[in-house]
Amino acid sequence: MKKKGFTLIELLAVLVVLAILALITIPLVIGIIKNAREKSNERSIEAYGRAVENAVGVYLLNNPNEQPTTR
């Protein structure tokens, strides 16, 4: 009677292969996440700057007698 299943060596080999793949991919994924976070922060800063410029423009349009003090 034959038993079906995996041997301990086969299971260990699969675990070793998975561990090697994890060692290779985890630093890459962390780098991608870090770059995405930095780019997102840059885009947020740019958006805030545009929002301030728009607010100043709307204010000056609504108050034509006012002159900007700094630019």
Protein backbone atom coordinates (compact mmCIF):
# COMPACT_ATOMS: atom_id res chain seq x y z
CA MET A 1 0.00 0.00 0.00
CA LYS A 2 1.50 3.33 -1.12
CA LYS A 3 1.07 6.44 1.00
CA LYS A 4 0.48 9.69 -0.84
CA GLY A 5 2.06 12.87 0.42
CA PHE A 6 5.25 14.86 0.55
CA THR A 7 8.45 13.87 2.25
CA LEU A 8 10.09 16.09 4.83
CA ILE A 9 12.92 16.90 2.40
CA GLU A 10 10.46 18.08 -0.26
CA LEU A 11 8.67 20.33 2.22
CA LEU A 12 11.96 21.78 3.45
CA ALA A 13 13.07 22.43 -0.13
CA VAL A 14 9.86 24.36 -0.81
CA LEU A 15 10.33 26.39 2.37
CA VAL A 16 13.92 27.23 1.40
CA VAL A 17 12.84 28.39 -2.05
CA LEU A 18 10.07 30.55 -0.54
CA ALA A 19 12.52 32.05 1.96
CA ILE A 20 14.96 32.95 -0.81
CA LEU A 21 12.19 34.58 -2.83
CA ALA A 22 11.11 36.55 0.22
CA LEU A 23 14.67 37.74 0.86
CA ILE A 24 14.88 39.02 -2.70
CA THR A 25 11.46 40.63 -3.02
CA ILE A 26 10.95 42.27 0.39
CA PRO A 27 13.68 44.93 -0.02
CA LEU A 28 12.40 45.71 -3.52
CA VAL A 29 8.85 46.18 -2.29
CA ILE A 30 10.01 48.34 0.61
CA GLY A 31 11.95 50.55 -1.83
CA ILE A 32 8.93 50.89 -4.10
CA ILE A 33 6.70 51.85 -1.16
CA LYS A 34 9.26 54.42 0.05
CA ASN A 35 9.54 56.02 -3.40
CA ALA A 36 5.76 56.12 -3.79
CA ARG A 37 5.40 57.78 -0.39
CA GLU A 38 8.02 60.43 -1.28
CA LYS A 39 6.38 61.18 -4.63
CA SER A 40 2.98 61.42 -2.94
CA ASN A 41 4.36 63.93 -0.44
CA GLU A 42 5.86 66.00 -3.26
CA ARG A 43 2.54 66.06 -5.11
CA SER A 44 0.71 67.08 -1.93
CA ILE A 45 3.09 69.99 -1.40
CA GLU A 46 2.60 71.09 -5.01
CA ALA A 47 -1.18 70.89 -4.60
CA TYR A 48 -1.08 73.00 -1.42
CA GLY A 49 1.03 75.60 -3.23
CA ARG A 50 -1.46 75.77 -6.11
CA ALA A 51 -4.32 76.07 -3.62
CA VAL A 52 -2.63 79.04 -1.95
CA GLU A 53 -1.99 80.68 -5.31
CA ASN A 54 -5.64 80.18 -6.28
CA ALA A 55 -6.86 81.60 -2.97
CA VAL A 56 -4.68 84.69 -3.38
CA GLY A 57 -5.92 85.12 -6.95
CA VAL A 58 -9.56 84.87 -5.90
CA TYR A 59 -8.96 87.33 -3.08
CA LEU A 60 -7.32 89.84 -5.43
CA LEU A 61 -10.12 89.45 -7.96
CA ASN A 62 -12.71 90.12 -5.27
CA ASN A 63 -10.74 93.06 -3.85
CA PRO A 64 -9.32 94.97 -6.84
CA ASN A 65 -8.20 97.97 -4.73
CA GLU A 66 -5.87 95.80 -2.65
CA GLN A 67 -2.28 95.45 -3.78
CA PRO A 68 -0.19 92.42 -2.86
CA THR A 69 2.56 93.34 -0.41
CA THR A 70 4.96 90.55 -1.31
CA ARG A 71 5.46 88.49 -4.38
